[in-house]
C-alpha atoms as a PDB file:
ATOM      1  CA  MET A   1       5.559 135.423   9.214  1.00  0.00           C
ATOM      2  CA  GLY A   2       6.122 138.843  10.769  1.00  0.00           C
ATOM      3  CA  PHE A   3       5.422 142.271   9.327  1.00  0.00           C
ATOM      4  CA  ASP A   4       7.323 145.537   9.592  1.00  0.00           C
ATOM      5  CA  GLU A   5       4.591 148.103   8.907  1.00  0.00           C
ATOM      6  CA  SER A   6       4.202 151.060  11.281  1.00  0.00           C
ATOM      7  CA  VAL A   7       0.916 151.551  13.128  1.00  0.00           C
ATOM      8  CA  LEU A   8      -0.522 154.691  14.732  1.00  0.00           C
ATOM      9  CA  ILE A   9      -3.211 154.087  17.373  1.00  0.00           C
ATOM     10  CA  CYS A  10      -4.955 157.428  17.942  1.00  0.00           C
ATOM     11  CA  ASP A  11      -7.442 156.553  20.696  1.00  0.00           C
ATOM     12  CA  GLN A  12      -7.635 154.487  23.859  1.00  0.00           C
ATOM     13  CA  VAL A  13      -8.117 150.830  22.968  1.00  0.00           C
ATOM     14  CA  ASP A  14      -7.937 147.497  24.750  1.00  0.00           C
ATOM     15  CA  PRO A  15      -4.270 146.495  25.307  1.00  0.00           C
ATOM     16  CA  ILE A  16      -4.820 143.205  23.479  1.00  0.00           C
ATOM     17  CA  LEU A  17      -4.800 145.094  20.165  1.00  0.00           C
ATOM     18  CA  ASN A  18      -1.308 146.466  20.750  1.00  0.00           C
ATOM     19  CA  LYS A  19      -0.063 143.052  21.925  1.00  0.00           C
ATOM     20  CA  ILE A  20      -1.333 141.152  18.887  1.00  0.00           C
ATOM     21  CA  LEU A  21       0.115 143.677  16.452  1.00  0.00           C
ATOM     22  CA  VAL A  22       3.508 143.794  18.190  1.00  0.00           C
ATOM     23  CA  ASP A  23       3.608 139.979  18.399  1.00  0.00           C
ATOM     24  CA  ASN A  24       3.228 139.947  14.622  1.00  0.00           C
ATOM     25  CA  GLY A  25       6.199 142.282  14.122  1.00  0.00           C
ATOM     26  CA  LEU A  26       4.328 145.539  13.569  1.00  0.00           C
ATOM     27  CA  LYS A  27       5.822 148.748  14.985  1.00  0.00           C
ATOM     28  CA  VAL A  28       3.100 150.386  17.085  1.00  0.00           C
ATOM     29  CA  SER A  29       2.909 153.987  18.265  1.00  0.00           C
ATOM     30  CA  TYR A  30       0.193 154.240  20.919  1.00  0.00           C
ATOM     31  CA  GLU A  31      -0.983 157.870  21.144  1.00  0.00           C
ATOM     32  CA  PRO A  32      -4.441 157.869  22.789  1.00  0.00           C
ATOM     33  CA  GLU A  33      -4.430 161.645  23.369  1.00  0.00           C
ATOM     34  CA  ILE A  34      -2.933 162.713  20.037  1.00  0.00           C
ATOM     35  CA  THR A  35      -4.325 165.974  18.627  1.00  0.00           C
ATOM     36  CA  PRO A  36      -5.448 166.617  15.030  1.00  0.00           C
ATOM     37  CA  GLU A  37      -2.439 168.910  14.579  1.00  0.00           C
ATOM     38  CA  GLN A  38      -0.076 166.149  15.719  1.00  0.00           C
ATOM     39  CA  ILE A  39      -1.794 163.620  13.464  1.00  0.00           C
ATOM     40  CA  LYS A  40      -1.370 165.979  10.520  1.00  0.00           C
ATOM     41  CA  GLU A  41       2.353 166.209  11.196  1.00  0.00           C
ATOM     42  CA  THR A  42       2.970 162.456  11.633  1.00  0.00           C
ATOM     43  CA  ILE A  43       0.302 160.483   9.735  1.00  0.00           C
ATOM     44  CA  GLY A  44       2.488 160.292   6.640  1.00  0.00           C
ATOM     45  CA  GLN A  45       4.890 157.961   8.501  1.00  0.00           C
ATOM     46  CA  TYR A  46       2.368 155.135   9.010  1.00  0.00           C
ATOM     47  CA  GLU A  47       0.976 152.315   6.909  1.00  0.00           C
ATOM     48  CA  ILE A  48      -1.873 151.653   9.349  1.00  0.00           C
ATOM     49  CA  VAL A  49      -3.959 154.135  11.375  1.00  0.00           C
ATOM     50  CA  ILE A  50      -6.355 152.974  14.085  1.00  0.00           C
ATOM     51  CA  VAL A  51      -9.080 155.084  15.720  1.00  0.00           C
ATOM     52  CA  ARG A  52     -12.179 154.780  17.865  1.00  0.00           C
ATOM     53  CA  SER A  53     -14.721 157.628  17.969  1.00  0.00           C
ATOM     54  CA  ARG A  54     -12.670 160.469  19.498  1.00  0.00           C
ATOM     55  CA  THR A  55     -10.431 160.996  16.488  1.00  0.00           C
ATOM     56  CA  LYS A  56     -11.900 162.419  13.294  1.00  0.00           C
ATOM     57  CA  LEU A  57      -9.939 161.452  10.201  1.00  0.00           C
ATOM     58  CA  THR A  58     -10.921 164.303   7.912  1.00  0.00           C
ATOM     59  CA  LYS A  59     -10.127 164.779   4.238  1.00  0.00           C
ATOM     60  CA  GLU A  60      -7.264 167.089   5.198  1.00  0.00           C
ATOM     61  CA  LEU A  61      -5.681 164.448   7.453  1.00  0.00           C
ATOM     62  CA  ILE A  62      -6.159 161.507   5.105  1.00  0.00           C
ATOM     63  CA  GLU A  63      -4.639 163.453   2.223  1.00  0.00           C
ATOM     64  CA  LYS A  64      -1.416 163.539   4.292  1.00  0.00           C
ATOM     65  CA  ALA A  65      -1.468 159.741   4.770  1.00  0.00           C
ATOM     66  CA  ASP A  66       0.794 158.976   1.826  1.00  0.00           C
ATOM     67  CA  LYS A  67       2.035 155.566   3.079  1.00  0.00           C
ATOM     68  CA  CYS A  68      -1.267 154.426   4.567  1.00  0.00           C
ATOM     69  CA  LYS A  69      -2.745 151.073   3.496  1.00  0.00           C
ATOM     70  CA  ILE A  70      -5.369 150.538   6.204  1.00  0.00           C
ATOM     71  CA  ILE A  71      -7.555 152.750   8.385  1.00  0.00           C
ATOM     72  CA  ALA A  72      -9.237 150.752  11.143  1.00  0.00           C
ATOM     73  CA  ARG A  73     -12.111 151.792  13.391  1.00  0.00           C
ATOM     74  CA  VAL A  74     -12.295 149.841  16.669  1.00  0.00           C
ATOM     75  CA  GLY A  75     -16.084 150.071  16.667  1.00  0.00           C
ATOM     76  CA  VAL A  76     -19.019 150.167  14.291  1.00  0.00           C
ATOM     77  CA  GLY A  77     -19.743 153.596  12.790  1.00  0.00           C
ATOM     78  CA  LEU A  78     -17.437 155.058  10.152  1.00  0.00           C
ATOM     79  CA  ASP A  79     -18.816 158.597  10.081  1.00  0.00           C
ATOM     80  CA  ASN A  80     -15.628 159.924  11.730  1.00  0.00           C
ATOM     81  CA  ILE A  81     -13.592 158.780   8.716  1.00  0.00           C
ATOM     82  CA  ASP A  82     -13.693 160.472   5.302  1.00  0.00           C
ATOM     83  CA  GLN A  83     -14.181 157.270   3.329  1.00  0.00           C
ATOM     84  CA  GLU A  84     -14.298 158.981  -0.058  1.00  0.00           C
ATOM     85  CA  THR A  85     -10.831 160.481   0.407  1.00  0.00           C
ATOM     86  CA  ALA A  86      -9.542 157.144   1.696  1.00  0.00           C
ATOM     87  CA  LYS A  87     -10.911 155.462  -1.429  1.00  0.00           C
ATOM     88  CA  THR A  88      -9.143 157.918  -3.732  1.00  0.00           C
ATOM     89  CA  LYS A  89      -5.863 157.030  -1.992  1.00  0.00           C
ATOM     90  CA  ASN A  90      -6.570 153.273  -2.173  1.00  0.00           C
ATOM     91  CA  ILE A  91      -6.716 153.007   1.611  1.00  0.00           C
ATOM     92  CA  ARG A  92      -8.718 150.071   2.970  1.00  0.00           C
ATOM     93  CA  VAL A  93     -11.214 151.154   5.667  1.00  0.00           C
ATOM     94  CA  ILE A  94     -12.331 148.467   8.124  1.00  0.00           C
ATOM     95  CA  ASN A  95     -14.379 148.335  11.316  1.00  0.00           C
ATOM     96  CA  ALA A  96     -15.409 145.859  14.022  1.00  0.00           C
ATOM     97  CA  VAL A  97     -19.153 145.457  13.793  1.00  0.00           C
ATOM     98  CA  GLU A  98     -18.920 142.140  15.621  1.00  0.00           C
ATOM     99  CA  GLY A  99     -17.433 143.709  18.742  1.00  0.00           C
ATOM    100  CA  ALA A 100     -20.358 145.927  19.733  1.00  0.00           C
ATOM    101  CA  MET A 101     -23.220 143.680  18.674  1.00  0.00           C
ATOM    102  CA  ASN A 102     -24.186 142.231  22.046  1.00  0.00           C
ATOM    103  CA  ALA A 103     -23.189 145.233  24.160  1.00  0.00           C
ATOM    104  CA  VAL A 104     -25.411 147.648  22.229  1.00  0.00           C
ATOM    105  CA  ALA A 105     -28.333 145.220  22.092  1.00  0.00           C
ATOM    106  CA  GLU A 106     -28.159 144.687  25.864  1.00  0.00           C
ATOM    107  CA  LEU A 107     -28.036 148.442  26.467  1.00  0.00           C
ATOM    108  CA  VAL A 108     -31.184 148.895  24.357  1.00  0.00           C
ATOM    109  CA  LEU A 109     -32.921 146.181  26.341  1.00  0.00           C
ATOM    110  CA  GLY A 110     -31.880 147.831  29.608  1.00  0.00           C
ATOM    111  CA  LEU A 111     -33.118 151.216  28.402  1.00  0.00           C
ATOM    112  CA  MET A 112     -36.455 149.732  27.365  1.00  0.00           C
ATOM    113  CA  LEU A 113     -36.879 148.142  30.787  1.00  0.00           C
ATOM    114  CA  SER A 114     -35.995 151.420  32.473  1.00  0.00           C
ATOM    115  CA  LEU A 115     -38.495 153.326  30.316  1.00  0.00           C
ATOM    116  CA  ALA A 116     -41.166 150.734  31.003  1.00  0.00           C
ATOM    117  CA  ARG A 117     -40.714 150.804  34.788  1.00  0.00           C
ATOM    118  CA  GLN A 118     -39.449 154.416  35.153  1.00  0.00           C
ATOM    119  CA  THR A 119     -36.497 153.213  37.215  1.00  0.00           C
ATOM    120  CA  ALA A 120     -34.261 156.163  36.305  1.00  0.00           C
ATOM    121  CA  ARG A 121     -36.898 158.644  37.470  1.00  0.00           C
ATOM    122  CA  GLY A 122     -37.541 156.658  40.646  1.00  0.00           C
ATOM    123  CA  ASP A 123     -33.840 156.737  41.467  1.00  0.00           C
ATOM    124  CA  ARG A 124     -33.621 160.492  40.862  1.00  0.00           C
ATOM    125  CA  GLU A 125     -36.638 161.231  43.037  1.00  0.00           C
ATOM    126  CA  ILE A 126     -35.482 159.081  45.959  1.00  0.00           C
ATOM    127  CA  ARG A 127     -32.196 160.972  45.945  1.00  0.00           C
ATOM    128  CA  LYS A 128     -34.246 164.193  46.236  1.00  0.00           C
ATOM    129  CA  GLY A 129     -36.187 162.752  49.170  1.00  0.00           C
ATOM    130  CA  ASN A 130     -39.356 161.919  47.207  1.00  0.00           C
ATOM    131  CA  TRP A 131     -41.201 158.578  47.369  1.00  0.00           C
ATOM    132  CA  LEU A 132     -43.216 158.141  44.126  1.00  0.00           C
ATOM    133  CA  LYS A 133     -44.474 154.592  44.682  1.00  0.00           C
ATOM    134  CA  LYS A 134     -48.075 155.348  43.636  1.00  0.00           C
ATOM    135  CA  GLU A 135     -47.127 157.581  40.720  1.00  0.00           C
ATOM    136  CA  LEU A 136     -44.597 155.277  39.078  1.00  0.00           C
ATOM    137  CA  LYS A 137     -46.945 152.624  37.714  1.00  0.00           C
ATOM    138  CA  GLY A 138     -45.069 150.957  34.867  1.00  0.00           C
ATOM    139  CA  THR A 139     -45.832 148.553  32.060  1.00  0.00           C
ATOM    140  CA  GLU A 140     -44.399 145.182  31.037  1.00  0.00           C
ATOM    141  CA  LEU A 141     -42.462 144.458  27.868  1.00  0.00           C
ATOM    142  CA  ARG A 142     -44.209 141.117  27.322  1.00  0.00           C
ATOM    143  CA  GLY A 143     -46.659 141.375  24.453  1.00  0.00           C
ATOM    144  CA  LYS A 144     -45.549 144.844  23.368  1.00  0.00           C
ATOM    145  CA  TYR A 145     -44.537 145.619  19.779  1.00  0.00           C
ATOM    146  CA  LEU A 146     -40.878 146.441  19.220  1.00  0.00           C
ATOM    147  CA  GLY A 147     -40.062 148.132  15.935  1.00  0.00           C
ATOM    148  CA  ILE A 148     -36.434 147.665  14.877  1.00  0.00           C
ATOM    149  CA  ILE A 149     -35.191 150.047  12.191  1.00  0.00           C
ATOM    150  CA  GLY A 150     -32.123 148.400  10.676  1.00  0.00           C
ATOM    151  CA  LEU A 151     -31.700 144.619  10.907  1.00  0.00           C
ATOM    152  CA  GLY A 152     -27.920 144.273  10.818  1.00  0.00           C
ATOM    153  CA  ASN A 153     -25.938 142.419  13.467  1.00  0.00           C
ATOM    154  CA  ILE A 154     -27.078 144.649  16.338  1.00  0.00           C
ATOM    155  CA  GLY A 155     -30.701 144.799  15.236  1.00  0.00           C
ATOM    156  CA  LYS A 156     -30.868 141.033  14.925  1.00  0.00           C
ATOM    157  CA  ARG A 157     -29.260 140.491  18.327  1.00  0.00           C
ATOM    158  CA  LEU A 158     -31.807 142.861  19.870  1.00  0.00           C
ATOM    159  CA  GLY A 159     -34.620 140.982  18.142  1.00  0.00           C
ATOM    160  CA  ARG A 160     -33.492 137.720  19.675  1.00  0.00           C
ATOM    161  CA  LEU A 161     -33.238 139.231  23.174  1.00  0.00           C
ATOM    162  CA  ALA A 162     -36.649 140.873  22.857  1.00  0.00           C
ATOM    163  CA  ARG A 163     -38.249 137.711  21.545  1.00  0.00           C
ATOM    164  CA  ALA A 164     -37.025 135.893  24.674  1.00  0.00           C
ATOM    165  CA  LEU A 165     -39.174 138.389  26.633  1.00  0.00           C
ATOM    166  CA  ASN A 166     -42.180 137.502  24.442  1.00  0.00           C
ATOM    167  CA  MET A 167     -42.218 140.840  22.630  1.00  0.00           C
ATOM    168  CA  ASN A 168     -43.600 141.057  19.100  1.00  0.00           C
ATOM    169  CA  ILE A 169     -40.963 142.141  16.576  1.00  0.00           C
ATOM    170  CA  ILE A 170     -41.588 144.429  13.603  1.00  0.00           C
ATOM    171  CA  GLY A 171     -38.662 145.069  11.264  1.00  0.00           C
ATOM    172  CA  TYR A 172     -37.765 147.580   8.568  1.00  0.00           C
ATOM    173  CA  ASP A 173     -34.589 147.867   6.502  1.00  0.00           C
ATOM    174  CA  VAL A 174     -33.576 149.295   3.140  1.00  0.00           C
ATOM    175  CA  VAL A 175     -31.815 146.015   2.334  1.00  0.00           C
ATOM    176  CA  PRO A 176     -33.382 142.520   2.275  1.00  0.00           C
ATOM    177  CA  ILE A 177     -33.966 141.105   5.758  1.00  0.00           C
ATOM    178  CA  ASP A 178     -32.442 137.728   6.635  1.00  0.00           C
ATOM    179  CA  GLU A 179     -35.262 135.209   6.081  1.00  0.00           C
ATOM    180  CA  GLU A 180     -33.963 132.670   8.585  1.00  0.00           C
ATOM    181  CA  PHE A 181     -33.772 135.340  11.278  1.00  0.00           C
ATOM    182  CA  ALA A 182     -37.275 136.540  10.422  1.00  0.00           C
ATOM    183  CA  LYS A 183     -38.649 133.031  10.915  1.00  0.00           C
ATOM    184  CA  GLU A 184     -36.634 132.536  14.104  1.00  0.00           C
ATOM    185  CA  VAL A 185     -38.130 135.532  15.929  1.00  0.00           C
ATOM    186  CA  GLY A 186     -41.474 135.682  14.115  1.00  0.00           C
ATOM    187  CA  LEU A 187     -40.521 139.016  12.559  1.00  0.00           C
ATOM    188  CA  MET A 188     -43.242 141.030  10.864  1.00  0.00           C
ATOM    189  CA  LYS A 189     -41.730 142.968   7.953  1.00  0.00           C
ATOM    190  CA  ALA A 190     -43.150 146.424   7.369  1.00  0.00           C
ATOM    191  CA  ASP A 191     -42.503 149.713   5.644  1.00  0.00           C
ATOM    192  CA  LEU A 192     -41.215 152.490   7.884  1.00  0.00           C
ATOM    193  CA  ASN A 193     -44.547 154.261   8.343  1.00  0.00           C
ATOM    194  CA  THR A 194     -46.355 151.044   9.290  1.00  0.00           C
ATOM    195  CA  LEU A 195     -43.617 150.194  11.786  1.00  0.00           C
ATOM    196  CA  LEU A 196     -43.853 153.628  13.398  1.00  0.00           C
ATOM    197  CA  GLN A 197     -47.643 153.514  13.588  1.00  0.00           C
ATOM    198  CA  SER A 198     -47.705 150.033  15.125  1.00  0.00           C
ATOM    199  CA  SER A 199     -44.808 149.935  17.584  1.00  0.00           C
ATOM    200  CA  ASP A 200     -44.772 150.527  21.322  1.00  0.00           C
ATOM    201  CA  TYR A 201     -40.973 150.780  21.293  1.00  0.00           C
ATOM    202  CA  ILE A 202     -38.823 151.882  18.356  1.00  0.00           C
ATOM    203  CA  SER A 203     -35.101 151.108  18.331  1.00  0.00           C
ATOM    204  CA  ILE A 204     -32.846 152.575  15.629  1.00  0.00           C
ATOM    205  CA  HIS A 205     -29.823 150.766  14.185  1.00  0.00           C
ATOM    206  CA  VAL A 206     -28.763 152.577  11.023  1.00  0.00           C
ATOM    207  CA  PRO A 207     -25.634 154.522  10.031  1.00  0.00           C
ATOM    208  CA  LEU A 208     -25.722 158.306   9.737  1.00  0.00           C
ATOM    209  CA  LEU A 209     -25.992 159.092   6.038  1.00  0.00           C
ATOM    210  CA  ASP A 210     -27.648 161.844   4.032  1.00  0.00           C
ATOM    211  CA  SER A 211     -30.603 159.479   3.620  1.00  0.00           C
ATOM    212  CA  THR A 212     -30.897 158.783   7.372  1.00  0.00           C
ATOM    213  CA  TYR A 213     -30.310 162.305   8.717  1.00  0.00           C
ATOM    214  CA  HIS A 214     -33.415 163.195  10.788  1.00  0.00           C
ATOM    215  CA  LEU A 215     -34.988 159.906   9.705  1.00  0.00           C
ATOM    216  CA  LEU A 216     -37.287 160.404  12.681  1.00  0.00           C
ATOM    217  CA  ASP A 217     -38.488 163.989  12.295  1.00  0.00           C
ATOM    218  CA  ALA A 218     -41.628 165.813  13.427  1.00  0.00           C
ATOM    219  CA  GLN A 219     -43.734 164.293  10.649  1.00  0.00           C
ATOM    220  CA  LYS A 220     -42.626 160.737  11.453  1.00  0.00           C
ATOM    221  CA  MET A 221     -43.154 161.273  15.185  1.00  0.00           C
ATOM    222  CA  SER A 222     -46.665 162.550  14.520  1.00  0.00           C
ATOM    223  CA  ILE A 223     -47.807 159.135  13.235  1.00  0.00           C
ATOM    224  CA  MET A 224     -46.535 157.197  16.259  1.00  0.00           C
ATOM    225  CA  LYS A 225     -48.671 156.166  19.224  1.00  0.00           C
ATOM    226  CA  ASN A 226     -48.707 158.825  21.937  1.00  0.00           C
ATOM    227  CA  THR A 227     -47.430 156.110  24.297  1.00  0.00           C
ATOM    228  CA  ALA A 228     -44.574 155.073  21.969  1.00  0.00           C
ATOM    229  CA  LYS A 229     -40.990 155.231  23.177  1.00  0.00           C
ATOM    230  CA  ILE A 230     -37.911 155.841  21.016  1.00  0.00           C
ATOM    231  CA  ILE A 231     -34.500 154.339  21.785  1.00  0.00           C
ATOM    232  CA  ASN A 232     -31.528 155.607  19.780  1.00  0.00           C
ATOM    233  CA  THR A 233     -28.107 153.986  20.154  1.00  0.00           C
ATOM    234  CA  SER A 234     -27.013 154.472  16.526  1.00  0.00           C
ATOM    235  CA  ARG A 235     -26.064 158.078  15.709  1.00  0.00           C
ATOM    236  CA  GLY A 236     -27.458 161.326  17.063  1.00  0.00           C
ATOM    237  CA  GLY A 237     -28.356 162.920  13.755  1.00  0.00           C
ATOM    238  CA  VAL A 238     -30.805 160.132  12.922  1.00  0.00           C
ATOM    239  CA  VAL A 239     -33.337 161.676  15.349  1.00  0.00           C
ATOM    240  CA  ASP A 240     -34.403 165.311  15.170  1.00  0.00           C
ATOM    241  CA  GLU A 241     -33.843 166.298  18.812  1.00  0.00           C
ATOM    242  CA  VAL A 242     -35.850 169.528  18.582  1.00  0.00           C
ATOM    243  CA  ALA A 243     -38.867 167.625  17.259  1.00  0.00           C
ATOM    244  CA  LEU A 244     -38.341 164.913  19.868  1.00  0.00           C
ATOM    245  CA  TYR A 245     -38.271 167.473  22.691  1.00  0.00           C
ATOM    246  CA  ASP A 246     -41.519 169.033  21.476  1.00  0.00           C
ATOM    247  CA  ALA A 247     -43.261 165.654  21.073  1.00  0.00           C
ATOM    248  CA  LEU A 248     -42.212 164.473  24.532  1.00  0.00           C
ATOM    249  CA  LYS A 249     -43.059 167.760  26.224  1.00  0.00           C
ATOM    250  CA  ASN A 250     -46.484 167.932  24.579  1.00  0.00           C
ATOM    251  CA  GLY A 251     -47.425 164.309  25.328  1.00  0.00           C
ATOM    252  CA  ALA A 252     -47.310 163.227  21.685  1.00  0.00           C
ATOM    253  CA  LEU A 253     -44.804 160.506  22.627  1.00  0.00           C
ATOM    254  CA  GLY A 254     -44.462 158.424  25.770  1.00  0.00           C
ATOM    255  CA  GLY A 255     -40.715 158.544  26.286  1.00  0.00           C
ATOM    256  CA  ALA A 256     -37.233 158.285  24.836  1.00  0.00           C
ATOM    257  CA  ALA A 257     -33.816 156.933  25.694  1.00  0.00           C
ATOM    258  CA  LEU A 258     -30.796 158.345  23.882  1.00  0.00           C
ATOM    259  CA  ASP A 259     -27.216 157.136  24.011  1.00  0.00           C
ATOM    260  CA  VAL A 260     -26.149 159.315  21.066  1.00  0.00           C
ATOM    261  CA  PHE A 261     -26.745 162.984  20.294  1.00  0.00           C
ATOM    262  CA  GLU A 262     -26.524 165.497  17.497  1.00  0.00           C
ATOM    263  CA  LYS A 263     -23.874 167.320  19.521  1.00  0.00           C
ATOM    264  CA  GLU A 264     -21.531 165.394  21.812  1.00  0.00           C
ATOM    265  CA  PRO A 265     -20.747 165.767  24.664  1.00  0.00           C
ATOM    266  CA  ALA A 266     -24.449 166.466  25.222  1.00  0.00           C
ATOM    267  CA  THR A 267     -24.056 168.643  28.295  1.00  0.00           C
ATOM    268  CA  GLY A 268     -26.769 171.280  28.424  1.00  0.00           C
ATOM    269  CA  ASN A 269     -29.098 169.292  26.167  1.00  0.00           C
ATOM    270  CA  LYS A 270     -32.728 170.448  26.599  1.00  0.00           C
ATOM    271  CA  LEU A 271     -33.963 166.848  26.696  1.00  0.00           C
ATOM    272  CA  ALA A 272     -32.436 166.575  30.183  1.00  0.00           C
ATOM    273  CA  GLU A 273     -35.259 168.810  31.436  1.00  0.00           C
ATOM    274  CA  LEU A 274     -37.859 166.086  30.814  1.00  0.00           C
ATOM    275  CA  ASP A 275     -38.804 163.296  33.220  1.00  0.00           C
ATOM    276  CA  ASN A 276     -39.735 160.840  30.462  1.00  0.00           C
ATOM    277  CA  VAL A 277     -36.228 160.783  28.965  1.00  0.00           C
ATOM    278  CA  ILE A 278     -33.171 158.678  29.806  1.00  0.00           C
ATOM    279  CA  LEU A 279     -29.808 159.984  28.609  1.00  0.00           C
ATOM    280  CA  THR A 280     -26.530 158.046  28.573  1.00  0.00           C
ATOM    281  CA  PRO A 281     -23.117 159.320  27.353  1.00  0.00           C
ATOM    282  CA  HIS A 282     -22.553 157.198  24.207  1.00  0.00           C
ATOM    283  CA  ILE A 283     -21.785 154.004  26.128  1.00  0.00           C
ATOM    284  CA  GLY A 284     -23.289 151.480  23.710  1.00  0.00           C
ATOM    285  CA  ALA A 285     -20.017 149.644  23.142  1.00  0.00           C
ATOM    286  CA  GLN A 286     -18.491 150.560  26.502  1.00  0.00           C
ATOM    287  CA  THR A 287     -18.193 147.126  28.061  1.00  0.00           C
ATOM    288  CA  LYS A 288     -15.012 145.254  28.857  1.00  0.00           C
ATOM    289  CA  GLU A 289     -16.154 142.382  26.704  1.00  0.00           C
ATOM    290  CA  ALA A 290     -17.062 144.526  23.698  1.00  0.00           C
ATOM    291  CA  GLN A 291     -13.830 146.509  23.761  1.00  0.00           C
ATOM    292  CA  SER A 292     -11.729 143.363  24.033  1.00  0.00           C
ATOM    293  CA  LEU A 293     -13.651 141.655  21.246  1.00  0.00           C
ATOM    294  CA  ALA A 294     -13.472 144.708  18.957  1.00  0.00           C
ATOM    295  CA  ALA A 295      -9.710 144.968  19.538  1.00  0.00           C
ATOM    296  CA  ASN A 296      -9.269 141.283  18.715  1.00  0.00           C
ATOM    297  CA  VAL A 297     -11.424 141.579  15.599  1.00  0.00           C
ATOM    298  CA  ILE A 298      -9.501 144.600  14.275  1.00  0.00           C
ATOM    299  CA  ALA A 299      -6.128 142.999  14.993  1.00  0.00           C
ATOM    300  CA  GLU A 300      -7.152 139.830  13.182  1.00  0.00           C
ATOM    301  CA  LYS A 301      -8.528 141.748  10.185  1.00  0.00           C
ATOM    302  CA  ILE A 302      -5.320 143.785   9.885  1.00  0.00           C
ATOM    303  CA  ILE A 303      -3.164 140.650   9.980  1.00  0.00           C
ATOM    304  CA  GLN A 304      -5.365 138.918   7.389  1.00  0.00           C
ATOM    305  CA  ILE A 305      -5.205 141.937   5.059  1.00  0.00           C
ATOM    306  CA  LEU A 306      -1.412 142.065   5.346  1.00  0.00           C
ATOM    307  CA  ARG A 307      -1.266 138.355   4.609  1.00  0.00           C
ATOM    308  CA  GLY A 308      -3.405 138.922   1.529  1.00  0.00           C
ATOM    309  CA  VAL A 309      -6.217 136.631   2.631  1.00  0.00           C
ATOM    310  CA  MET A 310      -8.897 139.288   3.204  1.00  0.00           C
END
């Protein structure tokens, strides 16, 4: 059975998404560079709107989406979509959590290894002509305590990867933690303060909400070990970057790796001044495999919704 709904794709996505939708009879307009002004003028023509992270579907834009049935995010976070306005217009909002799960978890693992062995700093210094062999004495991940804040799909995948390296896993979440997973990795459940006090590495996997804004602030950082390292691949606003800069500069924390920032692009960010920081440009889900999987997941969810089975 084919469909005749019109689809607007606002950002660059894997070509498989377009192919699956077209093969099912949907009329697709692929506009990866479309501007907010252009969206405002045309969004009313479409039943389905698809975005990644570049496009912000604000209240003003969604209010113009009079025919829209589905807004789809080819990724995890939904903070670039005004969900409340979508709800008032009976628009279904979906995402592709499954697509980024492994890619983000592997990036966190890579960042932890780089923090532990100071590989990023070693690379920078060699390029400057400096040979810091004696200075760059690292540590191993084996036996260290990894605190995971948020045990959804990504947090659980990270736990499994870290457990394979014989790390000890501490977990905190505002929702009940999967008991089978906890047994599988030997997870120690803890409240947030206990996790922060006990962990050598802290990885954050929560959405950006009013309740999670600056979840790690100066007060929370003050109770961590002075050797502790923070890894944030969730959303920039979850970590207070001013407090983080001060803690790292003053030796109150051992290091940090950020893939997300309070302001993006993060050019000119003060954290770049520090040697014990690794910065990456929001690449958590930027793998060929993750983008293809996310595109497939979104396409399948859209087709199932139109068929009335989801």
